[in-house]
Amino acid sequence: MGKVPYAKPSLSYLDQINQLKTRGLQFRDEAKALHILENISYFRLSGYWYPLLADKQNHIFKPEVTFESAFQLYCFDRELRMMITSELEKIEVSVRAKMIHVLSDAHGPFWFQEIRLFKNGNTFQKTLSKLQEEFDRSDEEFIQAFKKNYTDPFPPAWMILEITSLGTLSKLFGNLKTPLERRSIAKFYGLADSVFERWLHSIVYLRNVCAHHTRLWNRDMRIGTQFPKTPGKLWIQNTNVSTNKTYFALCMIRYLLQTVNPNTTFTERLKTLFAKYPSVDLRSMNFPNGWDQELLWK
């Protein structure tokens, strides 16, 4: 079928409610639903009621589905993203610290400027340009003090990498060609360097999903990762799960927290969230039966 011009009109909030009614969605409190539509938007919420449709082509809801039940999925997803964001911050800080220490110890404080340490020259130049942009626009006091007192084009790694994004860190690691340092960094987290590279890339994607407040609950991750063949820490025994679903992403986080935050309460808080929203189908996130019996989740 060929492309056609987009012709759907903008609808008032009341028309949005009436359209949902004609499609079979029920409302317990229309005034509250109107408030939600005004502050969240029809389009954002539509991603959560799509699985509740009996006829997805004609947008007809299953019997007895309510606006409130669809909104519960949105609330669950929001709380899940907030929980994940908190844990990804810990992981990001740890990865930054480990990369800085290992590579600065081996190659000096300005290793990130050494093209000989990287596999792809074009990627190296793009990453260095990104570092330059971040350096130029930073208003951190320690960066301003460095610019005032030193003639070097860049500050040492422990300064410049403090103002870089997780995406830049991922690109730096992915482009490293020094096997000893790659293995040393990855081994700290109980992973092979090739697996750690893929996981780091996936975590960047996951963080972007959370940072932009987009749907995570039943998402198909565009960046697939991989199972560790010889994990150095507790890992799941059931390998019959998809690597591009939410469950695997949560397993990655829980695995890394064994190193980053051994006394984490992530498992307990996750189970509490599930108990708060019992209507959420964990299978939509690829949770297998008996997931909570895995040693990783004990």
C-alpha atoms as a PDB file:
ATOM      1  CA  MET A   1       0.000   0.000   0.000  1.00  0.00           C
ATOM      2  CA  GLY A   2       1.406   3.390  -0.984  1.00  0.00           C
ATOM      3  CA  LYS A   3       1.846   6.386   1.272  1.00  0.00           C
ATOM      4  CA  VAL A   4      -0.995   8.882   1.674  1.00  0.00           C
ATOM      5  CA  PRO A   5      -1.212  12.328   3.281  1.00  0.00           C
ATOM      6  CA  TYR A   6      -2.049  12.350   6.997  1.00  0.00           C
ATOM      7  CA  ALA A   7      -5.665  13.486   7.251  1.00  0.00           C
ATOM      8  CA  LYS A   8      -6.778  12.815  10.834  1.00  0.00           C
ATOM      9  CA  PRO A   9      -8.058  16.012  12.495  1.00  0.00           C
ATOM     10  CA  SER A  10      -7.251  17.318  15.952  1.00  0.00           C
ATOM     11  CA  LEU A  11     -10.036  16.478  18.402  1.00  0.00           C
ATOM     12  CA  SER A  12     -11.250  18.381  21.448  1.00  0.00           C
ATOM     13  CA  TYR A  13     -10.886  16.555  24.765  1.00  0.00           C
ATOM     14  CA  LEU A  14     -14.604  15.832  24.876  1.00  0.00           C
ATOM     15  CA  ASP A  15     -14.483  14.496  21.321  1.00  0.00           C
ATOM     16  CA  GLN A  16     -11.583  12.280  22.335  1.00  0.00           C
ATOM     17  CA  ILE A  17     -13.679  10.807  25.138  1.00  0.00           C
ATOM     18  CA  ASN A  18     -16.655  10.322  22.815  1.00  0.00           C
ATOM     19  CA  GLN A  19     -14.456   8.591  20.243  1.00  0.00           C
ATOM     20  CA  LEU A  20     -13.144   6.205  22.882  1.00  0.00           C
ATOM     21  CA  LYS A  21     -16.701   5.486  23.981  1.00  0.00           C
ATOM     22  CA  THR A  22     -17.752   4.597  20.433  1.00  0.00           C
ATOM     23  CA  ARG A  23     -14.866   2.149  20.401  1.00  0.00           C
ATOM     24  CA  GLY A  24     -16.122   0.419  23.534  1.00  0.00           C
ATOM     25  CA  LEU A  25     -13.972   1.999  26.247  1.00  0.00           C
ATOM     26  CA  GLN A  26     -15.860   2.570  29.484  1.00  0.00           C
ATOM     27  CA  PHE A  27     -15.389   5.480  31.899  1.00  0.00           C
ATOM     28  CA  ARG A  28     -15.941   5.493  35.652  1.00  0.00           C
ATOM     29  CA  ASP A  29     -15.089   9.173  36.106  1.00  0.00           C
ATOM     30  CA  GLU A  30     -15.204  11.303  32.956  1.00  0.00           C
ATOM     31  CA  ALA A  31     -14.113  14.471  34.752  1.00  0.00           C
ATOM     32  CA  LYS A  32     -10.932  12.761  35.923  1.00  0.00           C
ATOM     33  CA  ALA A  33     -10.403  11.244  32.479  1.00  0.00           C
ATOM     34  CA  LEU A  34     -10.683  14.719  30.959  1.00  0.00           C
ATOM     35  CA  HIS A  35      -8.046  16.011  33.377  1.00  0.00           C
ATOM     36  CA  ILE A  36      -5.722  13.123  32.482  1.00  0.00           C
ATOM     37  CA  LEU A  37      -6.151  13.695  28.752  1.00  0.00           C
ATOM     38  CA  GLU A  38      -5.401  17.404  29.205  1.00  0.00           C
ATOM     39  CA  ASN A  39      -2.179  16.731  31.118  1.00  0.00           C
ATOM     40  CA  ILE A  40      -0.835  13.551  29.528  1.00  0.00           C
ATOM     41  CA  SER A  41      -2.404  13.477  26.024  1.00  0.00           C
ATOM     42  CA  TYR A  42      -4.459  11.003  24.065  1.00  0.00           C
ATOM     43  CA  PHE A  43      -1.528   9.943  21.906  1.00  0.00           C
ATOM     44  CA  ARG A  44       0.794   9.102  24.819  1.00  0.00           C
ATOM     45  CA  LEU A  45      -1.899   7.062  26.537  1.00  0.00           C
ATOM     46  CA  SER A  46      -2.828   5.243  23.334  1.00  0.00           C
ATOM     47  CA  GLY A  47       0.312   3.126  23.609  1.00  0.00           C
ATOM     48  CA  TYR A  48      -1.048   1.665  26.833  1.00  0.00           C
ATOM     49  CA  TRP A  49      -4.555   0.847  25.670  1.00  0.00           C
ATOM     50  CA  TYR A  50      -3.410  -0.755  22.411  1.00  0.00           C
ATOM     51  CA  PRO A  51      -2.980  -4.190  24.088  1.00  0.00           C
ATOM     52  CA  LEU A  52      -6.532  -3.801  25.444  1.00  0.00           C
ATOM     53  CA  LEU A  53      -8.064  -3.754  21.956  1.00  0.00           C
ATOM     54  CA  ALA A  54     -10.025  -6.746  20.728  1.00  0.00           C
ATOM     55  CA  ASP A  55      -9.931  -5.461  17.135  1.00  0.00           C
ATOM     56  CA  LYS A  56      -6.683  -3.596  16.620  1.00  0.00           C
ATOM     57  CA  GLN A  57      -7.408  -2.666  13.014  1.00  0.00           C
ATOM     58  CA  ASN A  58     -10.668  -0.899  13.873  1.00  0.00           C
ATOM     59  CA  HIS A  59      -9.568   0.125  17.397  1.00  0.00           C
ATOM     60  CA  ILE A  60     -12.386  -1.692  19.191  1.00  0.00           C
ATOM     61  CA  PHE A  61     -11.765  -2.412  22.875  1.00  0.00           C
ATOM     62  CA  LYS A  62     -12.289  -5.702  24.638  1.00  0.00           C
ATOM     63  CA  PRO A  63     -15.493  -5.954  26.702  1.00  0.00           C
ATOM     64  CA  GLU A  64     -15.452  -4.308  30.144  1.00  0.00           C
ATOM     65  CA  VAL A  65     -12.193  -2.415  29.554  1.00  0.00           C
ATOM     66  CA  THR A  66     -12.145   0.934  31.356  1.00  0.00           C
ATOM     67  CA  PHE A  67     -10.176   4.128  30.842  1.00  0.00           C
ATOM     68  CA  GLU A  68      -9.012   3.764  34.435  1.00  0.00           C
ATOM     69  CA  SER A  69      -7.518   0.310  33.831  1.00  0.00           C
ATOM     70  CA  ALA A  70      -5.562   1.657  30.868  1.00  0.00           C
ATOM     71  CA  PHE A  71      -4.342   4.551  32.999  1.00  0.00           C
ATOM     72  CA  GLN A  72      -3.124   2.067  35.604  1.00  0.00           C
ATOM     73  CA  LEU A  73      -0.758   0.633  32.998  1.00  0.00           C
ATOM     74  CA  TYR A  74       0.583   4.124  32.386  1.00  0.00           C
ATOM     75  CA  CYS A  75       1.123   4.689  36.119  1.00  0.00           C
ATOM     76  CA  PHE A  76       2.874   1.338  36.486  1.00  0.00           C
ATOM     77  CA  ASP A  77       5.165   2.107  33.569  1.00  0.00           C
ATOM     78  CA  ARG A  78       6.017   5.539  34.967  1.00  0.00           C
ATOM     79  CA  GLU A  79       6.978   4.104  38.360  1.00  0.00           C
ATOM     80  CA  LEU A  80       8.997   1.331  36.703  1.00  0.00           C
ATOM     81  CA  ARG A  81      10.961   3.860  34.650  1.00  0.00           C
ATOM     82  CA  MET A  82      11.648   5.968  37.723  1.00  0.00           C
ATOM     83  CA  MET A  83      12.959   2.927  39.577  1.00  0.00           C
ATOM     84  CA  ILE A  84      15.179   1.916  36.677  1.00  0.00           C
ATOM     85  CA  THR A  85      16.529   5.442  36.232  1.00  0.00           C
ATOM     86  CA  SER A  86      17.725   5.461  39.831  1.00  0.00           C
ATOM     87  CA  GLU A  87      19.630   2.196  39.353  1.00  0.00           C
ATOM     88  CA  LEU A  88      21.087   3.195  35.974  1.00  0.00           C
ATOM     89  CA  GLU A  89      22.553   6.286  37.601  1.00  0.00           C
ATOM     90  CA  LYS A  90      24.518   4.078  40.014  1.00  0.00           C
ATOM     91  CA  ILE A  91      25.695   1.856  37.157  1.00  0.00           C
ATOM     92  CA  GLU A  92      26.729   4.832  35.012  1.00  0.00           C
ATOM     93  CA  VAL A  93      28.767   6.397  37.823  1.00  0.00           C
ATOM     94  CA  SER A  94      30.495   3.083  38.468  1.00  0.00           C
ATOM     95  CA  VAL A  95      31.359   2.485  34.800  1.00  0.00           C
ATOM     96  CA  ARG A  96      32.718   6.019  34.501  1.00  0.00           C
ATOM     97  CA  ALA A  97      34.897   5.572  37.596  1.00  0.00           C
ATOM     98  CA  LYS A  98      36.247   2.183  36.481  1.00  0.00           C
ATOM     99  CA  MET A  99      37.060   3.322  32.942  1.00  0.00           C
ATOM    100  CA  ILE A 100      38.823   6.439  34.180  1.00  0.00           C
ATOM    101  CA  HIS A 101      40.941   4.537  36.678  1.00  0.00           C
ATOM    102  CA  VAL A 102      41.939   1.580  34.511  1.00  0.00           C
ATOM    103  CA  LEU A 103      42.757   3.565  31.382  1.00  0.00           C
ATOM    104  CA  SER A 104      44.411   6.512  33.145  1.00  0.00           C
ATOM    105  CA  ASP A 105      46.556   4.133  35.172  1.00  0.00           C
ATOM    106  CA  ALA A 106      47.663   2.322  32.008  1.00  0.00           C
ATOM    107  CA  HIS A 107      47.973   5.195  29.528  1.00  0.00           C
ATOM    108  CA  GLY A 108      48.041   8.452  31.465  1.00  0.00           C
ATOM    109  CA  PRO A 109      45.388  11.111  32.170  1.00  0.00           C
ATOM    110  CA  PHE A 110      44.880  12.040  28.499  1.00  0.00           C
ATOM    111  CA  TRP A 111      44.390   8.548  27.049  1.00  0.00           C
ATOM    112  CA  PHE A 112      41.112   9.561  25.363  1.00  0.00           C
ATOM    113  CA  GLN A 113      43.156  11.746  22.966  1.00  0.00           C
ATOM    114  CA  GLU A 114      45.431   8.865  21.900  1.00  0.00           C
ATOM    115  CA  ILE A 115      44.210   7.596  18.534  1.00  0.00           C
ATOM    116  CA  ARG A 116      46.549   4.607  18.792  1.00  0.00           C
ATOM    117  CA  LEU A 117      44.334   3.199  21.568  1.00  0.00           C
ATOM    118  CA  PHE A 118      41.231   3.047  19.380  1.00  0.00           C
ATOM    119  CA  LYS A 119      40.084   0.771  16.581  1.00  0.00           C
ATOM    120  CA  ASN A 120      38.327   3.188  14.258  1.00  0.00           C
ATOM    121  CA  GLY A 121      39.827   6.574  13.472  1.00  0.00           C
ATOM    122  CA  ASN A 122      36.571   8.123  12.242  1.00  0.00           C
ATOM    123  CA  THR A 123      34.713   7.030  15.383  1.00  0.00           C
ATOM    124  CA  PHE A 124      37.605   8.342  17.473  1.00  0.00           C
ATOM    125  CA  GLN A 125      37.392  11.771  15.812  1.00  0.00           C
ATOM    126  CA  LYS A 126      33.612  11.952  16.240  1.00  0.00           C
ATOM    127  CA  THR A 127      33.894  11.032  19.913  1.00  0.00           C
ATOM    128  CA  LEU A 128      36.644  13.588  20.448  1.00  0.00           C
ATOM    129  CA  SER A 129      34.462  16.231  18.773  1.00  0.00           C
ATOM    130  CA  LYS A 130      31.634  15.294  21.124  1.00  0.00           C
ATOM    131  CA  LEU A 131      33.966  15.686  24.094  1.00  0.00           C
ATOM    132  CA  GLN A 132      34.982  19.086  22.736  1.00  0.00           C
ATOM    133  CA  GLU A 133      31.341  20.180  22.545  1.00  0.00           C
ATOM    134  CA  GLU A 134      30.676  19.036  26.093  1.00  0.00           C
ATOM    135  CA  PHE A 135      33.857  20.750  27.304  1.00  0.00           C
ATOM    136  CA  ASP A 136      33.019  24.035  25.538  1.00  0.00           C
ATOM    137  CA  ARG A 137      29.489  24.316  26.885  1.00  0.00           C
ATOM    138  CA  SER A 138      30.069  23.059  30.423  1.00  0.00           C
ATOM    139  CA  ASP A 139      29.482  25.534  33.232  1.00  0.00           C
ATOM    140  CA  GLU A 140      30.864  23.240  35.939  1.00  0.00           C
ATOM    141  CA  GLU A 141      33.145  25.152  38.288  1.00  0.00           C
ATOM    142  CA  PHE A 142      35.980  22.640  37.956  1.00  0.00           C
ATOM    143  CA  ILE A 143      35.865  22.962  34.157  1.00  0.00           C
ATOM    144  CA  GLN A 144      35.868  26.754  34.311  1.00  0.00           C
ATOM    145  CA  ALA A 145      38.793  26.654  36.744  1.00  0.00           C
ATOM    146  CA  PHE A 146      40.729  24.345  34.405  1.00  0.00           C
ATOM    147  CA  LYS A 147      40.177  26.665  31.452  1.00  0.00           C
ATOM    148  CA  LYS A 148      41.410  29.588  33.542  1.00  0.00           C
ATOM    149  CA  ASN A 149      44.561  27.907  34.862  1.00  0.00           C
ATOM    150  CA  TYR A 150      45.832  25.486  32.213  1.00  0.00           C
ATOM    151  CA  THR A 151      46.794  25.625  28.546  1.00  0.00           C
ATOM    152  CA  ASP A 152      45.899  22.016  27.682  1.00  0.00           C
ATOM    153  CA  PRO A 153      43.126  21.596  25.077  1.00  0.00           C
ATOM    154  CA  PHE A 154      41.354  19.109  27.357  1.00  0.00           C
ATOM    155  CA  PRO A 155      41.380  18.434  31.090  1.00  0.00           C
ATOM    156  CA  PRO A 156      42.434  14.958  32.313  1.00  0.00           C
ATOM    157  CA  ALA A 157      40.077  12.019  31.961  1.00  0.00           C
ATOM    158  CA  TRP A 158      38.796  12.248  35.525  1.00  0.00           C
ATOM    159  CA  MET A 159      37.511  15.746  34.752  1.00  0.00           C
ATOM    160  CA  ILE A 160      36.320  15.549  31.146  1.00  0.00           C
ATOM    161  CA  LEU A 161      34.518  12.223  31.584  1.00  0.00           C
ATOM    162  CA  GLU A 162      32.587  13.616  34.538  1.00  0.00           C
ATOM    163  CA  ILE A 163      30.685  15.849  32.113  1.00  0.00           C
ATOM    164  CA  THR A 164      30.196  13.294  29.342  1.00  0.00           C
ATOM    165  CA  SER A 165      27.074  11.286  28.659  1.00  0.00           C
ATOM    166  CA  LEU A 166      26.707   7.553  29.137  1.00  0.00           C
ATOM    167  CA  GLY A 167      26.443   7.314  25.352  1.00  0.00           C
ATOM    168  CA  THR A 168      29.906   8.836  24.954  1.00  0.00           C
ATOM    169  CA  LEU A 169      31.327   6.437  27.543  1.00  0.00           C
ATOM    170  CA  SER A 170      29.788   3.551  25.625  1.00  0.00           C
ATOM    171  CA  LYS A 171      31.359   4.737  22.368  1.00  0.00           C
ATOM    172  CA  LEU A 172      34.765   5.127  24.029  1.00  0.00           C
ATOM    173  CA  PHE A 173      34.658   1.594  25.389  1.00  0.00           C
ATOM    174  CA  GLY A 174      33.302   0.122  22.171  1.00  0.00           C
ATOM    175  CA  ASN A 175      36.115   1.665  20.146  1.00  0.00           C
ATOM    176  CA  LEU A 176      38.930   0.654  22.491  1.00  0.00           C
ATOM    177  CA  LYS A 177      41.417  -1.755  20.950  1.00  0.00           C
ATOM    178  CA  THR A 178      43.546  -2.373  24.053  1.00  0.00           C
ATOM    179  CA  PRO A 179      42.498  -5.907  25.076  1.00  0.00           C
ATOM    180  CA  LEU A 180      44.072  -5.843  28.534  1.00  0.00           C
ATOM    181  CA  GLU A 181      42.161  -2.763  29.638  1.00  0.00           C
ATOM    182  CA  ARG A 182      38.929  -3.843  27.947  1.00  0.00           C
ATOM    183  CA  ARG A 183      39.065  -7.175  29.778  1.00  0.00           C
ATOM    184  CA  SER A 184      39.996  -5.542  33.071  1.00  0.00           C
ATOM    185  CA  ILE A 185      37.033  -3.165  32.997  1.00  0.00           C
ATOM    186  CA  ALA A 186      34.546  -5.847  31.932  1.00  0.00           C
ATOM    187  CA  LYS A 187      35.878  -8.424  34.401  1.00  0.00           C
ATOM    188  CA  PHE A 188      35.187  -6.037  37.265  1.00  0.00           C
ATOM    189  CA  TYR A 189      31.487  -6.557  36.441  1.00  0.00           C
ATOM    190  CA  GLY A 190      31.845 -10.304  35.875  1.00  0.00           C
ATOM    191  CA  LEU A 191      31.510 -10.131  32.094  1.00  0.00           C
ATOM    192  CA  ALA A 192      33.537 -10.768  28.966  1.00  0.00           C
ATOM    193  CA  ASP A 193      34.515  -7.541  27.241  1.00  0.00           C
ATOM    194  CA  SER A 194      32.390  -8.273  24.152  1.00  0.00           C
ATOM    195  CA  VAL A 195      29.307  -8.886  26.330  1.00  0.00           C
ATOM    196  CA  PHE A 196      30.004  -5.815  28.435  1.00  0.00           C
ATOM    197  CA  GLU A 197      30.219  -3.718  25.279  1.00  0.00           C
ATOM    198  CA  ARG A 198      26.799  -4.939  24.121  1.00  0.00           C
ATOM    199  CA  TRP A 199      25.268  -4.486  27.566  1.00  0.00           C
ATOM    200  CA  LEU A 200      26.623  -0.963  27.859  1.00  0.00           C
ATOM    201  CA  HIS A 201      25.148  -0.074  24.478  1.00  0.00           C
ATOM    202  CA  SER A 202      21.783  -1.524  25.538  1.00  0.00           C
ATOM    203  CA  ILE A 203      21.861   0.364  28.830  1.00  0.00           C
ATOM    204  CA  VAL A 204      22.352   3.628  26.919  1.00  0.00           C
ATOM    205  CA  TYR A 205      19.214   2.811  24.910  1.00  0.00           C
ATOM    206  CA  LEU A 206      17.314   1.887  28.070  1.00  0.00           C
ATOM    207  CA  ARG A 207      18.344   5.092  29.799  1.00  0.00           C
ATOM    208  CA  ASN A 208      17.187   7.143  26.796  1.00  0.00           C
ATOM    209  CA  VAL A 209      13.795   5.430  26.912  1.00  0.00           C
ATOM    210  CA  CYS A 210      13.451   6.321  30.585  1.00  0.00           C
ATOM    211  CA  ALA A 211      14.826   9.850  30.197  1.00  0.00           C
ATOM    212  CA  HIS A 212      12.344  10.669  27.436  1.00  0.00           C
ATOM    213  CA  HIS A 213       9.422   9.198  29.418  1.00  0.00           C
ATOM    214  CA  THR A 214       8.471   6.824  26.618  1.00  0.00           C
ATOM    215  CA  ARG A 215       6.748   3.486  27.099  1.00  0.00           C
ATOM    216  CA  LEU A 216       8.907   0.721  28.572  1.00  0.00           C
ATOM    217  CA  TRP A 217       6.367  -1.738  29.995  1.00  0.00           C
ATOM    218  CA  ASN A 218       5.864  -4.028  26.953  1.00  0.00           C
ATOM    219  CA  ARG A 219       8.479  -2.493  24.672  1.00  0.00           C
ATOM    220  CA  ASP A 220      10.512  -4.338  22.068  1.00  0.00           C
ATOM    221  CA  MET A 221      14.017  -2.951  22.546  1.00  0.00           C
ATOM    222  CA  ARG A 222      15.539  -2.009  19.198  1.00  0.00           C
ATOM    223  CA  ILE A 223      18.983  -2.935  20.474  1.00  0.00           C
ATOM    224  CA  GLY A 224      19.281  -6.604  21.282  1.00  0.00           C
ATOM    225  CA  THR A 225      22.003  -7.738  23.653  1.00  0.00           C
ATOM    226  CA  GLN A 226      23.315 -11.181  24.568  1.00  0.00           C
ATOM    227  CA  PHE A 227      23.555 -13.766  27.312  1.00  0.00           C
ATOM    228  CA  PRO A 228      26.891 -13.980  29.137  1.00  0.00           C
ATOM    229  CA  LYS A 229      28.462 -17.387  28.447  1.00  0.00           C
ATOM    230  CA  THR A 230      30.558 -17.488  31.613  1.00  0.00           C
ATOM    231  CA  PRO A 231      29.082 -14.947  34.045  1.00  0.00           C
ATOM    232  CA  GLY A 232      31.269 -14.173  37.016  1.00  0.00           C
ATOM    233  CA  LYS A 233      28.292 -13.565  39.292  1.00  0.00           C
ATOM    234  CA  LEU A 234      24.770 -14.885  39.834  1.00  0.00           C
ATOM    235  CA  TRP A 235      22.787 -15.026  36.599  1.00  0.00           C
ATOM    236  CA  ILE A 236      19.499 -16.496  35.413  1.00  0.00           C
ATOM    237  CA  GLN A 237      19.307 -20.195  34.585  1.00  0.00           C
ATOM    238  CA  ASN A 238      16.321 -19.898  32.266  1.00  0.00           C
ATOM    239  CA  THR A 239      17.768 -18.856  28.911  1.00  0.00           C
ATOM    240  CA  ASN A 240      14.454 -19.182  27.077  1.00  0.00           C
ATOM    241  CA  VAL A 241      13.801 -15.443  27.269  1.00  0.00           C
ATOM    242  CA  SER A 242      14.190 -12.709  24.704  1.00  0.00           C
ATOM    243  CA  THR A 243      17.175 -10.371  24.976  1.00  0.00           C
ATOM    244  CA  ASN A 244      15.191  -7.411  23.623  1.00  0.00           C
ATOM    245  CA  LYS A 245      12.403  -7.377  26.208  1.00  0.00           C
ATOM    246  CA  THR A 246      12.006  -5.575  29.516  1.00  0.00           C
ATOM    247  CA  TYR A 247      12.657  -8.685  31.622  1.00  0.00           C
ATOM    248  CA  PHE A 248      16.150  -9.139  30.216  1.00  0.00           C
ATOM    249  CA  ALA A 249      16.916  -5.445  30.766  1.00  0.00           C
ATOM    250  CA  LEU A 250      15.903  -5.806  34.413  1.00  0.00           C
ATOM    251  CA  CYS A 251      18.082  -8.913  34.708  1.00  0.00           C
ATOM    252  CA  MET A 252      21.059  -6.938  33.373  1.00  0.00           C
ATOM    253  CA  ILE A 253      20.480  -4.221  35.944  1.00  0.00           C
ATOM    254  CA  ARG A 254      20.142  -6.714  38.797  1.00  0.00           C
ATOM    255  CA  TYR A 255      23.299  -8.512  37.656  1.00  0.00           C
ATOM    256  CA  LEU A 256      25.371  -5.313  37.524  1.00  0.00           C
ATOM    257  CA  LEU A 257      24.081  -4.184  40.898  1.00  0.00           C
ATOM    258  CA  GLN A 258      25.839  -7.177  42.458  1.00  0.00           C
ATOM    259  CA  THR A 259      29.035  -5.231  41.799  1.00  0.00           C
ATOM    260  CA  VAL A 260      27.800  -1.659  41.977  1.00  0.00           C
ATOM    261  CA  ASN A 261      25.496  -1.916  45.006  1.00  0.00           C
ATOM    262  CA  PRO A 262      25.666  -5.360  46.672  1.00  0.00           C
ATOM    263  CA  ASN A 263      23.120  -4.405  49.347  1.00  0.00           C
ATOM    264  CA  THR A 264      20.558  -3.189  46.829  1.00  0.00           C
ATOM    265  CA  THR A 265      16.858  -3.517  47.558  1.00  0.00           C
ATOM    266  CA  PHE A 266      16.025  -3.496  43.840  1.00  0.00           C
ATOM    267  CA  THR A 267      14.391  -6.940  43.925  1.00  0.00           C
ATOM    268  CA  GLU A 268      12.195  -6.087  46.886  1.00  0.00           C
ATOM    269  CA  ARG A 269      11.115  -2.759  45.385  1.00  0.00           C
ATOM    270  CA  LEU A 270      10.347  -4.408  42.059  1.00  0.00           C
ATOM    271  CA  LYS A 271       8.145  -7.025  43.731  1.00  0.00           C
ATOM    272  CA  THR A 272       6.403  -4.297  45.717  1.00  0.00           C
ATOM    273  CA  LEU A 273       5.646  -2.470  42.477  1.00  0.00           C
ATOM    274  CA  PHE A 274       4.175  -5.618  40.938  1.00  0.00           C
ATOM    275  CA  ALA A 275       2.004  -6.121  44.019  1.00  0.00           C
ATOM    276  CA  LYS A 276       0.780  -2.521  43.762  1.00  0.00           C
ATOM    277  CA  TYR A 277      -0.404  -3.126  40.188  1.00  0.00           C
ATOM    278  CA  PRO A 278      -1.701  -6.729  40.187  1.00  0.00           C
ATOM    279  CA  SER A 279      -3.570  -6.234  36.904  1.00  0.00           C
ATOM    280  CA  VAL A 280      -0.307  -5.783  34.981  1.00  0.00           C
ATOM    281  CA  ASP A 281       0.494  -8.926  33.020  1.00  0.00           C
ATOM    282  CA  LEU A 282       4.177  -9.695  33.591  1.00  0.00           C
ATOM    283  CA  ARG A 283       4.188 -11.891  30.496  1.00  0.00           C
ATOM    284  CA  SER A 284       3.928  -8.726  28.400  1.00  0.00           C
ATOM    285  CA  MET A 285       7.425  -7.898  29.655  1.00  0.00           C
ATOM    286  CA  ASN A 286       8.602 -11.461  28.924  1.00  0.00           C
ATOM    287  CA  PHE A 287       8.774 -12.509  32.593  1.00  0.00           C
ATOM    288  CA  PRO A 288       8.819 -16.325  32.586  1.00  0.00           C
ATOM    289  CA  ASN A 289       6.975 -18.476  35.081  1.00  0.00           C
ATOM    290  CA  GLY A 290       9.045 -18.923  38.225  1.00  0.00           C
ATOM    291  CA  TRP A 291      11.247 -15.908  37.521  1.00  0.00           C
ATOM    292  CA  ASP A 292      11.348 -15.009  41.204  1.00  0.00           C
ATOM    293  CA  GLN A 293      12.843 -18.390  42.044  1.00  0.00           C
ATOM    294  CA  GLU A 294      16.028 -17.587  40.149  1.00  0.00           C
ATOM    295  CA  LEU A 295      18.984 -17.017  42.498  1.00  0.00           C
ATOM    296  CA  LEU A 296      19.576 -13.674  40.780  1.00  0.00           C
ATOM    297  CA  TRP A 297      16.226 -12.468  42.125  1.00  0.00           C
ATOM    298  CA  LYS A 298      16.505 -13.946  45.614  1.00  0.00           C
END
